[in-house]
Amino acid sequence: MKEIKVTKNDAGQRLDRFLAKSVPLLPASLAQKYIRLKRIKLDGKRAERDTRLAEGNVIQLYVNDEFFDSPKPENAYLTVTTPMLRVVYEDENLILVDKKPGQAVHPHEGAEYGRTLIDHIQAYLYARGEWKPREEHSFAPALCNRIDRNTGGIVIAAKTAEALRILNQKIKDRELEKRYLCVVHGTPKPKEGRLEGYIFKDAKQNRVYVTPKPQPGAKTAVTLYRTLQSRNGLSLVECELITGRTHQIRAMMAAAGTPLLGDGKYGKLDKRFDRTYQALYSYQLKFAFTTDAGCLAYLDGRTFAVEDVDFVEEFFPKSRK
């Protein structure tokens, strides 16, 4: 329990507004709940959220210690009252989440405090009692892979340090197979094939360039693809990443003459279609271990997929096989 004494400068404020400033990590909805449950009291008695404070009042707060920390990226999960997650699979070691387009996976330079995917995952595990951040040497659930803000799909989060270590190594050794669905302008030629090249990243412009020949700073990039269906000048394409470079599918499909629908960075926005971000979804993940996976060995050979992909239903209903 902690106590806060109301000073002259704070007198006259409503209790809930005073709490919002004094305990910024405590969500307003949770503060209201705690007031109702008498876990937040005024001078030892129950109070209402709109009670006006007077100089000398003492507020007693029976809430977890972590809510009194200073706001920072590491504790943004505390501000998430109701975690919004689409869980594809979960066990004691990891959780697979279907991230919808528009959400960042991590905060970018301090922005989006409390709204990123990792914030919601940590809030979800904290609320369920699976993660106890105040315990000594507590491991913070962490993401193993990233997806661009406007790309949707499966993201892996490790619940334990051992799982994180193993998954990071498996991703590095390419023992996870990731398949994407995308809608492109035109029809790839041939309809099924292999795109190879070298990708050079321009960090200042936050974009990459595909070149046919190696150059300083460029990395090899390989994408397998197959066209599932074509109609109305668009094609639904499945891609498999052999390498995992920044913007790989977007840049390589554009370089091949079939840019992604809605991708203004590597193609052009088409006014005929109401889409302002790339039609790209990491819809399938397969664990294909070729070396020892320790505590995650039971996942070998298992495949997880997202069935509900918005642009598939919009442009190619009942087309995927």
C-alpha atoms as a PDB file:
ATOM      1  CA  MET A   1       0.000   0.000   0.000  1.00  0.00           C
ATOM      2  CA  LYS A   2       1.179   3.499  -0.814  1.00  0.00           C
ATOM      3  CA  GLU A   3      -0.088   6.849   0.393  1.00  0.00           C
ATOM      4  CA  ILE A   4      -0.174  10.196  -1.361  1.00  0.00           C
ATOM      5  CA  LYS A   5      -0.814  13.386   0.571  1.00  0.00           C
ATOM      6  CA  VAL A   6      -2.741  16.135  -1.192  1.00  0.00           C
ATOM      7  CA  THR A   7      -0.883  19.451  -1.169  1.00  0.00           C
ATOM      8  CA  LYS A   8      -2.258  22.976  -1.466  1.00  0.00           C
ATOM      9  CA  ASN A   9      -1.551  23.065  -5.197  1.00  0.00           C
ATOM     10  CA  ASP A  10      -3.536  19.860  -5.780  1.00  0.00           C
ATOM     11  CA  ALA A  11      -6.572  20.821  -3.702  1.00  0.00           C
ATOM     12  CA  GLY A  12      -9.849  21.183  -5.565  1.00  0.00           C
ATOM     13  CA  GLN A  13      -9.122  18.504  -8.144  1.00  0.00           C
ATOM     14  CA  ARG A  14     -11.316  15.473  -8.731  1.00  0.00           C
ATOM     15  CA  LEU A  15      -9.907  12.249  -7.347  1.00  0.00           C
ATOM     16  CA  ASP A  16      -9.789  10.488 -10.737  1.00  0.00           C
ATOM     17  CA  ARG A  17      -8.003  13.385 -12.442  1.00  0.00           C
ATOM     18  CA  PHE A  18      -5.496  13.650  -9.628  1.00  0.00           C
ATOM     19  CA  LEU A  19      -4.753   9.917  -9.973  1.00  0.00           C
ATOM     20  CA  ALA A  20      -4.256  10.270 -13.719  1.00  0.00           C
ATOM     21  CA  LYS A  21      -1.442  12.756 -13.099  1.00  0.00           C
ATOM     22  CA  SER A  22       0.033  11.178  -9.979  1.00  0.00           C
ATOM     23  CA  VAL A  23      -0.053   7.544 -11.157  1.00  0.00           C
ATOM     24  CA  PRO A  24       0.135   7.818 -14.973  1.00  0.00           C
ATOM     25  CA  LEU A  25       0.690   4.090 -15.490  1.00  0.00           C
ATOM     26  CA  LEU A  26      -2.637   3.279 -13.855  1.00  0.00           C
ATOM     27  CA  PRO A  27      -5.292   3.187 -16.633  1.00  0.00           C
ATOM     28  CA  ALA A  28      -8.356   5.335 -15.975  1.00  0.00           C
ATOM     29  CA  SER A  29     -10.703   2.356 -16.252  1.00  0.00           C
ATOM     30  CA  LEU A  30      -8.649   0.394 -13.744  1.00  0.00           C
ATOM     31  CA  ALA A  31      -8.474   3.363 -11.367  1.00  0.00           C
ATOM     32  CA  GLN A  32     -12.277   3.610 -11.461  1.00  0.00           C
ATOM     33  CA  LYS A  33     -12.553  -0.099 -10.753  1.00  0.00           C
ATOM     34  CA  TYR A  34     -10.165   0.158  -7.792  1.00  0.00           C
ATOM     35  CA  ILE A  35     -12.092   3.135  -6.397  1.00  0.00           C
ATOM     36  CA  ARG A  36     -15.293   1.112  -6.623  1.00  0.00           C
ATOM     37  CA  LEU A  37     -13.648  -1.890  -4.919  1.00  0.00           C
ATOM     38  CA  LYS A  38     -12.170   0.353  -2.175  1.00  0.00           C
ATOM     39  CA  ARG A  39      -8.616  -0.482  -3.231  1.00  0.00           C
ATOM     40  CA  ILE A  40      -8.219   3.292  -3.531  1.00  0.00           C
ATOM     41  CA  LYS A  41      -9.475   5.166  -0.474  1.00  0.00           C
ATOM     42  CA  LEU A  42      -9.552   8.769   0.715  1.00  0.00           C
ATOM     43  CA  ASP A  43      -8.587   9.254   4.378  1.00  0.00           C
ATOM     44  CA  GLY A  44      -9.236   5.551   4.935  1.00  0.00           C
ATOM     45  CA  LYS A  45     -12.771   5.692   3.584  1.00  0.00           C
ATOM     46  CA  ARG A  46     -14.497   4.964   0.328  1.00  0.00           C
ATOM     47  CA  ALA A  47     -14.684   7.864  -2.105  1.00  0.00           C
ATOM     48  CA  GLU A  48     -16.229   8.544  -5.497  1.00  0.00           C
ATOM     49  CA  ARG A  49     -14.143   9.240  -8.563  1.00  0.00           C
ATOM     50  CA  ASP A  50     -15.509  12.804  -8.770  1.00  0.00           C
ATOM     51  CA  THR A  51     -14.805  13.589  -5.092  1.00  0.00           C
ATOM     52  CA  ARG A  52     -13.036  16.965  -4.780  1.00  0.00           C
ATOM     53  CA  LEU A  53      -9.770  16.790  -2.897  1.00  0.00           C
ATOM     54  CA  ALA A  54      -8.804  19.094  -0.033  1.00  0.00           C
ATOM     55  CA  GLU A  55      -5.376  20.045   1.228  1.00  0.00           C
ATOM     56  CA  GLY A  56      -4.190  17.457   3.725  1.00  0.00           C
ATOM     57  CA  ASN A  57      -6.276  14.578   2.368  1.00  0.00           C
ATOM     58  CA  VAL A  58      -4.412  11.276   2.259  1.00  0.00           C
ATOM     59  CA  ILE A  59      -5.078   8.842  -0.569  1.00  0.00           C
ATOM     60  CA  GLN A  60      -4.387   5.176   0.157  1.00  0.00           C
ATOM     61  CA  LEU A  61      -3.671   3.010  -2.886  1.00  0.00           C
ATOM     62  CA  TYR A  62      -3.752  -0.771  -2.604  1.00  0.00           C
ATOM     63  CA  VAL A  63      -2.360  -1.426  -6.068  1.00  0.00           C
ATOM     64  CA  ASN A  64       0.659  -3.240  -7.447  1.00  0.00           C
ATOM     65  CA  ASP A  65       4.004  -1.497  -7.008  1.00  0.00           C
ATOM     66  CA  GLU A  66       4.781  -1.440 -10.740  1.00  0.00           C
ATOM     67  CA  PHE A  67       2.061   1.168 -11.333  1.00  0.00           C
ATOM     68  CA  PHE A  68       4.155   3.707  -9.384  1.00  0.00           C
ATOM     69  CA  ASP A  69       7.140   3.484 -11.734  1.00  0.00           C
ATOM     70  CA  SER A  70       7.960   6.266 -14.175  1.00  0.00           C
ATOM     71  CA  PRO A  71       6.486   5.700 -17.664  1.00  0.00           C
ATOM     72  CA  LYS A  72       8.985   4.135 -20.084  1.00  0.00           C
ATOM     73  CA  PRO A  73       8.825   1.671 -22.990  1.00  0.00           C
ATOM     74  CA  GLU A  74       9.514  -1.274 -20.677  1.00  0.00           C
ATOM     75  CA  ASN A  75       6.344  -0.736 -18.654  1.00  0.00           C
ATOM     76  CA  ALA A  76       3.953   0.494 -21.336  1.00  0.00           C
ATOM     77  CA  TYR A  77       2.013  -2.765 -20.986  1.00  0.00           C
ATOM     78  CA  LEU A  78       0.576  -1.429 -17.711  1.00  0.00           C
ATOM     79  CA  THR A  79      -1.474   1.149 -19.615  1.00  0.00           C
ATOM     80  CA  VAL A  80      -3.252  -1.578 -21.616  1.00  0.00           C
ATOM     81  CA  THR A  81      -6.539  -2.240 -19.830  1.00  0.00           C
ATOM     82  CA  THR A  82      -7.953  -4.790 -22.293  1.00  0.00           C
ATOM     83  CA  PRO A  83      -5.310  -6.558 -24.409  1.00  0.00           C
ATOM     84  CA  MET A  84      -6.474  -6.942 -28.006  1.00  0.00           C
ATOM     85  CA  LEU A  85      -4.858 -10.055 -29.438  1.00  0.00           C
ATOM     86  CA  ARG A  86      -5.759 -12.626 -32.066  1.00  0.00           C
ATOM     87  CA  VAL A  87      -4.029 -15.715 -30.748  1.00  0.00           C
ATOM     88  CA  VAL A  88      -3.195 -18.305 -33.406  1.00  0.00           C
ATOM     89  CA  TYR A  89      -1.431 -20.708 -31.014  1.00  0.00           C
ATOM     90  CA  GLU A  90      -0.133 -20.618 -27.472  1.00  0.00           C
ATOM     91  CA  ASP A  91       1.672 -22.881 -25.011  1.00  0.00           C
ATOM     92  CA  GLU A  92       3.960 -22.474 -22.009  1.00  0.00           C
ATOM     93  CA  ASN A  93       6.917 -21.437 -24.185  1.00  0.00           C
ATOM     94  CA  LEU A  94       5.571 -19.161 -26.879  1.00  0.00           C
ATOM     95  CA  ILE A  95       2.566 -17.432 -28.366  1.00  0.00           C
ATOM     96  CA  LEU A  96       1.746 -16.871 -32.043  1.00  0.00           C
ATOM     97  CA  VAL A  97      -0.316 -13.762 -32.709  1.00  0.00           C
ATOM     98  CA  ASP A  98      -2.070 -12.570 -35.851  1.00  0.00           C
ATOM     99  CA  LYS A  99      -1.089  -8.911 -36.144  1.00  0.00           C
ATOM    100  CA  LYS A 100      -3.465  -6.841 -38.201  1.00  0.00           C
ATOM    101  CA  PRO A 101      -2.138  -4.100 -40.539  1.00  0.00           C
ATOM    102  CA  GLY A 102      -1.746  -0.672 -38.951  1.00  0.00           C
ATOM    103  CA  GLN A 103      -0.220  -1.766 -35.656  1.00  0.00           C
ATOM    104  CA  ALA A 104       3.488  -1.383 -34.918  1.00  0.00           C
ATOM    105  CA  VAL A 105       5.183  -4.368 -33.306  1.00  0.00           C
ATOM    106  CA  HIS A 106       7.576  -2.229 -31.228  1.00  0.00           C
ATOM    107  CA  PRO A 107       7.549   1.448 -30.211  1.00  0.00           C
ATOM    108  CA  HIS A 108       9.411   3.672 -32.658  1.00  0.00           C
ATOM    109  CA  GLU A 109      11.515   6.321 -30.955  1.00  0.00           C
ATOM    110  CA  GLY A 110       9.174   6.395 -27.971  1.00  0.00           C
ATOM    111  CA  ALA A 111       6.020   6.825 -30.047  1.00  0.00           C
ATOM    112  CA  GLU A 112       2.821   4.789 -29.675  1.00  0.00           C
ATOM    113  CA  TYR A 113       3.318   4.229 -25.973  1.00  0.00           C
ATOM    114  CA  GLY A 114       1.020   1.406 -24.839  1.00  0.00           C
ATOM    115  CA  ARG A 115      -0.375   0.634 -28.303  1.00  0.00           C
ATOM    116  CA  THR A 116       2.199  -1.673 -29.879  1.00  0.00           C
ATOM    117  CA  LEU A 117       1.880  -5.423 -30.306  1.00  0.00           C
ATOM    118  CA  ILE A 118       4.491  -6.202 -27.660  1.00  0.00           C
ATOM    119  CA  ASP A 119       2.635  -3.938 -25.192  1.00  0.00           C
ATOM    120  CA  HIS A 120      -0.541  -5.951 -25.714  1.00  0.00           C
ATOM    121  CA  ILE A 121       1.231  -9.309 -25.510  1.00  0.00           C
ATOM    122  CA  GLN A 122       2.934  -8.376 -22.249  1.00  0.00           C
ATOM    123  CA  ALA A 123      -0.331  -6.979 -20.851  1.00  0.00           C
ATOM    124  CA  TYR A 124      -2.094 -10.216 -21.802  1.00  0.00           C
ATOM    125  CA  LEU A 125       0.470 -12.402 -20.022  1.00  0.00           C
ATOM    126  CA  TYR A 126       0.645 -10.051 -17.028  1.00  0.00           C
ATOM    127  CA  ALA A 127      -3.141 -10.112 -16.589  1.00  0.00           C
ATOM    128  CA  ARG A 128      -3.150 -13.926 -16.721  1.00  0.00           C
ATOM    129  CA  GLY A 129      -0.416 -14.128 -14.099  1.00  0.00           C
ATOM    130  CA  GLU A 130       1.999 -15.852 -16.487  1.00  0.00           C
ATOM    131  CA  TRP A 131       4.455 -12.977 -16.301  1.00  0.00           C
ATOM    132  CA  LYS A 132       5.445 -11.374 -13.008  1.00  0.00           C
ATOM    133  CA  PRO A 133       7.784  -8.485 -13.871  1.00  0.00           C
ATOM    134  CA  ARG A 134       8.555  -7.553 -10.247  1.00  0.00           C
ATOM    135  CA  GLU A 135      10.104 -10.911  -9.460  1.00  0.00           C
ATOM    136  CA  GLU A 136      13.886 -11.007  -9.341  1.00  0.00           C
ATOM    137  CA  HIS A 137      15.496 -11.737 -12.717  1.00  0.00           C
ATOM    138  CA  SER A 138      12.059 -11.849 -14.363  1.00  0.00           C
ATOM    139  CA  PHE A 139      12.231 -12.437 -18.119  1.00  0.00           C
ATOM    140  CA  ALA A 140      10.212 -10.001 -20.206  1.00  0.00           C
ATOM    141  CA  PRO A 141       8.236 -11.675 -23.024  1.00  0.00           C
ATOM    142  CA  ALA A 142       9.869 -10.666 -26.305  1.00  0.00           C
ATOM    143  CA  LEU A 143       9.174 -10.827 -30.034  1.00  0.00           C
ATOM    144  CA  CYS A 144      11.230 -13.179 -32.180  1.00  0.00           C
ATOM    145  CA  ASN A 145      10.295 -11.705 -35.555  1.00  0.00           C
ATOM    146  CA  ARG A 146       8.982  -8.411 -36.854  1.00  0.00           C
ATOM    147  CA  ILE A 147       6.459  -7.390 -39.467  1.00  0.00           C
ATOM    148  CA  ASP A 148       6.089  -3.921 -40.969  1.00  0.00           C
ATOM    149  CA  ARG A 149       3.332  -1.772 -39.511  1.00  0.00           C
ATOM    150  CA  ASN A 150       1.110  -2.020 -42.590  1.00  0.00           C
ATOM    151  CA  THR A 151       1.778  -5.711 -43.196  1.00  0.00           C
ATOM    152  CA  GLY A 152      -0.333  -8.229 -41.331  1.00  0.00           C
ATOM    153  CA  GLY A 153       0.438 -11.746 -40.220  1.00  0.00           C
ATOM    154  CA  ILE A 154       1.874 -14.141 -37.698  1.00  0.00           C
ATOM    155  CA  VAL A 155       4.313 -12.791 -35.129  1.00  0.00           C
ATOM    156  CA  ILE A 156       6.123 -15.043 -32.642  1.00  0.00           C
ATOM    157  CA  ALA A 157       6.645 -14.038 -29.018  1.00  0.00           C
ATOM    158  CA  ALA A 158       8.736 -16.055 -26.570  1.00  0.00           C
ATOM    159  CA  LYS A 159       7.546 -16.464 -22.998  1.00  0.00           C
ATOM    160  CA  THR A 160      10.879 -17.712 -21.651  1.00  0.00           C
ATOM    161  CA  ALA A 161      14.540 -16.873 -22.144  1.00  0.00           C
ATOM    162  CA  GLU A 162      15.281 -20.397 -23.372  1.00  0.00           C
ATOM    163  CA  ALA A 163      12.503 -20.263 -25.958  1.00  0.00           C
ATOM    164  CA  LEU A 164      13.741 -16.862 -27.166  1.00  0.00           C
ATOM    165  CA  ARG A 165      17.304 -18.148 -27.539  1.00  0.00           C
ATOM    166  CA  ILE A 166      16.199 -21.227 -29.489  1.00  0.00           C
ATOM    167  CA  LEU A 167      13.769 -19.370 -31.752  1.00  0.00           C
ATOM    168  CA  ASN A 168      16.256 -16.627 -32.567  1.00  0.00           C
ATOM    169  CA  GLN A 169      18.783 -19.276 -33.602  1.00  0.00           C
ATOM    170  CA  LYS A 170      16.223 -21.202 -35.644  1.00  0.00           C
ATOM    171  CA  ILE A 171      15.224 -18.036 -37.484  1.00  0.00           C
ATOM    172  CA  LYS A 172      18.881 -17.235 -38.122  1.00  0.00           C
ATOM    173  CA  ASP A 173      19.467 -20.766 -39.434  1.00  0.00           C
ATOM    174  CA  ARG A 174      16.296 -20.555 -41.585  1.00  0.00           C
ATOM    175  CA  GLU A 175      14.587 -23.462 -39.880  1.00  0.00           C
ATOM    176  CA  LEU A 176      11.225 -21.695 -39.985  1.00  0.00           C
ATOM    177  CA  GLU A 177       9.296 -21.502 -43.243  1.00  0.00           C
ATOM    178  CA  LYS A 178       7.215 -18.359 -43.748  1.00  0.00           C
ATOM    179  CA  ARG A 179       4.672 -17.964 -46.509  1.00  0.00           C
ATOM    180  CA  TYR A 180       2.991 -14.730 -47.508  1.00  0.00           C
ATOM    181  CA  LEU A 181      -0.065 -13.855 -49.539  1.00  0.00           C
ATOM    182  CA  CYS A 182      -0.056 -10.696 -51.632  1.00  0.00           C
ATOM    183  CA  VAL A 183      -2.043  -9.049 -54.389  1.00  0.00           C
ATOM    184  CA  VAL A 184       0.017  -7.646 -57.258  1.00  0.00           C
ATOM    185  CA  HIS A 185      -0.738  -5.590 -60.335  1.00  0.00           C
ATOM    186  CA  GLY A 186      -0.641  -7.689 -63.491  1.00  0.00           C
ATOM    187  CA  THR A 187       0.339 -11.351 -63.717  1.00  0.00           C
ATOM    188  CA  PRO A 188       3.831 -12.606 -62.834  1.00  0.00           C
ATOM    189  CA  LYS A 189       5.720 -14.197 -65.704  1.00  0.00           C
ATOM    190  CA  PRO A 190       6.223 -17.055 -65.408  1.00  0.00           C
ATOM    191  CA  LYS A 191       3.270 -17.666 -63.095  1.00  0.00           C
ATOM    192  CA  GLU A 192       5.490 -19.629 -60.731  1.00  0.00           C
ATOM    193  CA  GLY A 193       9.179 -19.141 -60.153  1.00  0.00           C
ATOM    194  CA  ARG A 194      12.121 -17.876 -58.169  1.00  0.00           C
ATOM    195  CA  LEU A 195      13.225 -14.262 -57.777  1.00  0.00           C
ATOM    196  CA  GLU A 196      16.909 -13.752 -57.025  1.00  0.00           C
ATOM    197  CA  GLY A 197      18.946 -10.628 -56.590  1.00  0.00           C
ATOM    198  CA  TYR A 198      20.770  -8.397 -54.148  1.00  0.00           C
ATOM    199  CA  ILE A 199      19.065  -5.963 -51.835  1.00  0.00           C
ATOM    200  CA  PHE A 200      20.677  -2.723 -50.743  1.00  0.00           C
ATOM    201  CA  LYS A 201      19.070  -0.765 -47.904  1.00  0.00           C
ATOM    202  CA  ASP A 202      18.939   3.015 -47.836  1.00  0.00           C
ATOM    203  CA  ALA A 203      18.309   3.754 -44.160  1.00  0.00           C
ATOM    204  CA  LYS A 204      17.702   7.480 -44.732  1.00  0.00           C
ATOM    205  CA  GLN A 205      14.867   6.828 -47.173  1.00  0.00           C
ATOM    206  CA  ASN A 206      13.690   3.707 -45.324  1.00  0.00           C
ATOM    207  CA  ARG A 207      13.552   1.714 -48.532  1.00  0.00           C
ATOM    208  CA  VAL A 208      15.574  -0.896 -50.334  1.00  0.00           C
ATOM    209  CA  TYR A 209      16.808  -1.350 -53.890  1.00  0.00           C
ATOM    210  CA  VAL A 210      17.136  -4.576 -55.843  1.00  0.00           C
ATOM    211  CA  THR A 211      20.179  -5.073 -58.035  1.00  0.00           C
ATOM    212  CA  PRO A 212      21.061  -8.053 -60.264  1.00  0.00           C
ATOM    213  CA  LYS A 213      24.729  -7.942 -59.304  1.00  0.00           C
ATOM    214  CA  PRO A 214      26.456  -7.780 -55.905  1.00  0.00           C
ATOM    215  CA  GLN A 215      27.646  -4.431 -54.617  1.00  0.00           C
ATOM    216  CA  PRO A 216      29.085  -3.172 -51.323  1.00  0.00           C
ATOM    217  CA  GLY A 217      26.500  -3.401 -48.564  1.00  0.00           C
ATOM    218  CA  ALA A 218      24.029  -5.444 -50.612  1.00  0.00           C
ATOM    219  CA  LYS A 219      22.738  -8.820 -49.394  1.00  0.00           C
ATOM    220  CA  THR A 220      21.475 -11.780 -51.364  1.00  0.00           C
ATOM    221  CA  ALA A 221      17.698 -12.137 -51.547  1.00  0.00           C
ATOM    222  CA  VAL A 222      15.667 -15.110 -52.749  1.00  0.00           C
ATOM    223  CA  THR A 223      11.874 -15.338 -52.971  1.00  0.00           C
ATOM    224  CA  LEU A 224       9.827 -18.248 -54.312  1.00  0.00           C
ATOM    225  CA  TYR A 225       6.372 -17.416 -55.654  1.00  0.00           C
ATOM    226  CA  ARG A 226       3.354 -18.982 -57.320  1.00  0.00           C
ATOM    227  CA  THR A 227       0.311 -17.284 -58.787  1.00  0.00           C
ATOM    228  CA  LEU A 228      -2.929 -18.587 -57.308  1.00  0.00           C
ATOM    229  CA  GLN A 229      -5.417 -16.609 -59.376  1.00  0.00           C
ATOM    230  CA  SER A 230      -5.647 -13.596 -61.712  1.00  0.00           C
ATOM    231  CA  ARG A 231      -8.621 -11.364 -62.409  1.00  0.00           C
ATOM    232  CA  ASN A 232      -9.417  -7.717 -63.171  1.00  0.00           C
ATOM    233  CA  GLY A 233      -5.763  -6.847 -63.714  1.00  0.00           C
ATOM    234  CA  LEU A 234      -4.698  -8.227 -60.338  1.00  0.00           C
ATOM    235  CA  SER A 235      -3.121 -11.481 -59.203  1.00  0.00           C
ATOM    236  CA  LEU A 236      -3.161 -13.293 -55.878  1.00  0.00           C
ATOM    237  CA  VAL A 237       0.333 -14.601 -55.243  1.00  0.00           C
ATOM    238  CA  GLU A 238       1.824 -16.811 -52.553  1.00  0.00           C
ATOM    239  CA  CYS A 239       5.438 -16.076 -51.667  1.00  0.00           C
ATOM    240  CA  GLU A 240       7.938 -18.051 -49.626  1.00  0.00           C
ATOM    241  CA  LEU A 241      10.920 -16.256 -48.170  1.00  0.00           C
ATOM    242  CA  ILE A 242      14.196 -18.109 -48.529  1.00  0.00           C
ATOM    243  CA  THR A 243      15.981 -15.069 -47.129  1.00  0.00           C
ATOM    244  CA  GLY A 244      14.425 -12.453 -44.886  1.00  0.00           C
ATOM    245  CA  ARG A 245      15.483  -8.987 -46.015  1.00  0.00           C
ATOM    246  CA  THR A 246      13.784  -5.677 -45.301  1.00  0.00           C
ATOM    247  CA  HIS A 247      10.815  -5.110 -47.656  1.00  0.00           C
ATOM    248  CA  GLN A 248      11.986  -8.143 -49.646  1.00  0.00           C
ATOM    249  CA  ILE A 249       8.699  -9.199 -51.228  1.00  0.00           C
ATOM    250  CA  ARG A 250       7.577  -5.642 -51.905  1.00  0.00           C
ATOM    251  CA  ALA A 251      10.843  -4.653 -53.579  1.00  0.00           C
ATOM    252  CA  MET A 252      11.410  -7.852 -55.539  1.00  0.00           C
ATOM    253  CA  MET A 253       7.870  -8.089 -56.899  1.00  0.00           C
ATOM    254  CA  ALA A 254       8.076  -4.441 -57.964  1.00  0.00           C
ATOM    255  CA  ALA A 255      11.457  -5.056 -59.626  1.00  0.00           C
ATOM    256  CA  ALA A 256       9.854  -7.957 -61.509  1.00  0.00           C
ATOM    257  CA  GLY A 257       7.213  -5.597 -62.921  1.00  0.00           C
ATOM    258  CA  THR A 258       4.331  -6.646 -60.661  1.00  0.00           C
ATOM    259  CA  PRO A 259       4.251  -4.243 -57.685  1.00  0.00           C
ATOM    260  CA  LEU A 260       1.944  -4.919 -54.761  1.00  0.00           C
ATOM    261  CA  LEU A 261      -1.501  -3.402 -54.676  1.00  0.00           C
ATOM    262  CA  GLY A 262      -1.538  -0.334 -52.421  1.00  0.00           C
ATOM    263  CA  ASP A 263       2.238  -0.076 -52.181  1.00  0.00           C
ATOM    264  CA  GLY A 264       3.052   3.567 -52.835  1.00  0.00           C
ATOM    265  CA  LYS A 265       6.693   3.146 -51.856  1.00  0.00           C
ATOM    266  CA  TYR A 266       7.669   0.555 -54.470  1.00  0.00           C
ATOM    267  CA  GLY A 267       4.822   1.013 -56.929  1.00  0.00           C
ATOM    268  CA  LYS A 268       2.011   3.474 -57.610  1.00  0.00           C
ATOM    269  CA  LEU A 269      -1.340   3.823 -55.901  1.00  0.00           C
ATOM    270  CA  ASP A 270      -4.189   2.907 -58.243  1.00  0.00           C
ATOM    271  CA  LYS A 271      -7.257   5.127 -57.803  1.00  0.00           C
ATOM    272  CA  ARG A 272      -9.492   2.298 -58.968  1.00  0.00           C
ATOM    273  CA  PHE A 273      -8.851   0.474 -55.712  1.00  0.00           C
ATOM    274  CA  ASP A 274      -9.482   1.876 -52.249  1.00  0.00           C
ATOM    275  CA  ARG A 275      -6.217   0.735 -50.722  1.00  0.00           C
ATOM    276  CA  THR A 276      -3.376   2.942 -49.459  1.00  0.00           C
ATOM    277  CA  TYR A 277      -1.076   0.312 -47.938  1.00  0.00           C
ATOM    278  CA  GLN A 278       0.459  -2.873 -49.309  1.00  0.00           C
ATOM    279  CA  ALA A 279      -1.699  -5.979 -49.745  1.00  0.00           C
ATOM    280  CA  LEU A 280       0.722  -8.312 -47.989  1.00  0.00           C
ATOM    281  CA  TYR A 281       0.111 -10.872 -45.247  1.00  0.00           C
ATOM    282  CA  SER A 282       2.400 -13.358 -43.509  1.00  0.00           C
ATOM    283  CA  TYR A 283      -0.318 -15.968 -43.319  1.00  0.00           C
ATOM    284  CA  GLN A 284       1.528 -19.253 -42.712  1.00  0.00           C
ATOM    285  CA  LEU A 285       4.364 -20.406 -40.481  1.00  0.00           C
ATOM    286  CA  LYS A 286       5.963 -23.860 -40.382  1.00  0.00           C
ATOM    287  CA  PHE A 287       8.525 -25.090 -37.897  1.00  0.00           C
ATOM    288  CA  ALA A 288      10.975 -27.169 -39.944  1.00  0.00           C
ATOM    289  CA  PHE A 289      13.835 -27.968 -37.584  1.00  0.00           C
ATOM    290  CA  THR A 290      16.953 -29.637 -38.971  1.00  0.00           C
ATOM    291  CA  THR A 291      18.921 -29.440 -35.722  1.00  0.00           C
ATOM    292  CA  ASP A 292      18.140 -29.978 -32.050  1.00  0.00           C
ATOM    293  CA  ALA A 293      15.395 -27.654 -30.791  1.00  0.00           C
ATOM    294  CA  GLY A 294      15.610 -28.462 -27.093  1.00  0.00           C
ATOM    295  CA  CYS A 295      12.403 -27.615 -25.235  1.00  0.00           C
ATOM    296  CA  LEU A 296      10.698 -26.674 -28.521  1.00  0.00           C
ATOM    297  CA  ALA A 297      11.283 -29.993 -30.302  1.00  0.00           C
ATOM    298  CA  TYR A 298       7.553 -30.786 -30.128  1.00  0.00           C
ATOM    299  CA  LEU A 299       6.888 -28.000 -32.656  1.00  0.00           C
ATOM    300  CA  ASP A 300       8.903 -29.621 -35.427  1.00  0.00           C
ATOM    301  CA  GLY A 301       6.790 -30.166 -38.518  1.00  0.00           C
ATOM    302  CA  ARG A 302       3.813 -28.191 -37.247  1.00  0.00           C
ATOM    303  CA  THR A 303       2.207 -25.554 -39.467  1.00  0.00           C
ATOM    304  CA  PHE A 304       0.040 -22.641 -38.319  1.00  0.00           C
ATOM    305  CA  ALA A 305      -1.990 -20.416 -40.610  1.00  0.00           C
ATOM    306  CA  VAL A 306      -4.337 -17.432 -40.625  1.00  0.00           C
ATOM    307  CA  GLU A 307      -7.489 -18.085 -42.600  1.00  0.00           C
ATOM    308  CA  ASP A 308      -9.036 -14.609 -42.562  1.00  0.00           C
ATOM    309  CA  VAL A 309      -7.015 -12.286 -44.811  1.00  0.00           C
ATOM    310  CA  ASP A 310      -8.972  -9.174 -45.743  1.00  0.00           C
ATOM    311  CA  PHE A 311      -7.726  -8.585 -49.266  1.00  0.00           C
ATOM    312  CA  VAL A 312      -8.183 -12.232 -50.262  1.00  0.00           C
ATOM    313  CA  GLU A 313     -11.857 -12.061 -49.382  1.00  0.00           C
ATOM    314  CA  GLU A 314     -12.198  -8.696 -51.090  1.00  0.00           C
ATOM    315  CA  PHE A 315     -10.473  -9.406 -54.394  1.00  0.00           C
ATOM    316  CA  PHE A 316     -10.321 -13.213 -54.647  1.00  0.00           C
ATOM    317  CA  PRO A 317     -13.102 -14.777 -52.576  1.00  0.00           C
ATOM    318  CA  LYS A 318     -12.803 -18.577 -52.160  1.00  0.00           C
ATOM    319  CA  SER A 319      -9.696 -18.628 -54.337  1.00  0.00           C
ATOM    320  CA  ARG A 320      -6.973 -19.963 -52.060  1.00  0.00           C
ATOM    321  CA  LYS A 321      -6.094 -23.648 -52.306  1.00  0.00           C
END
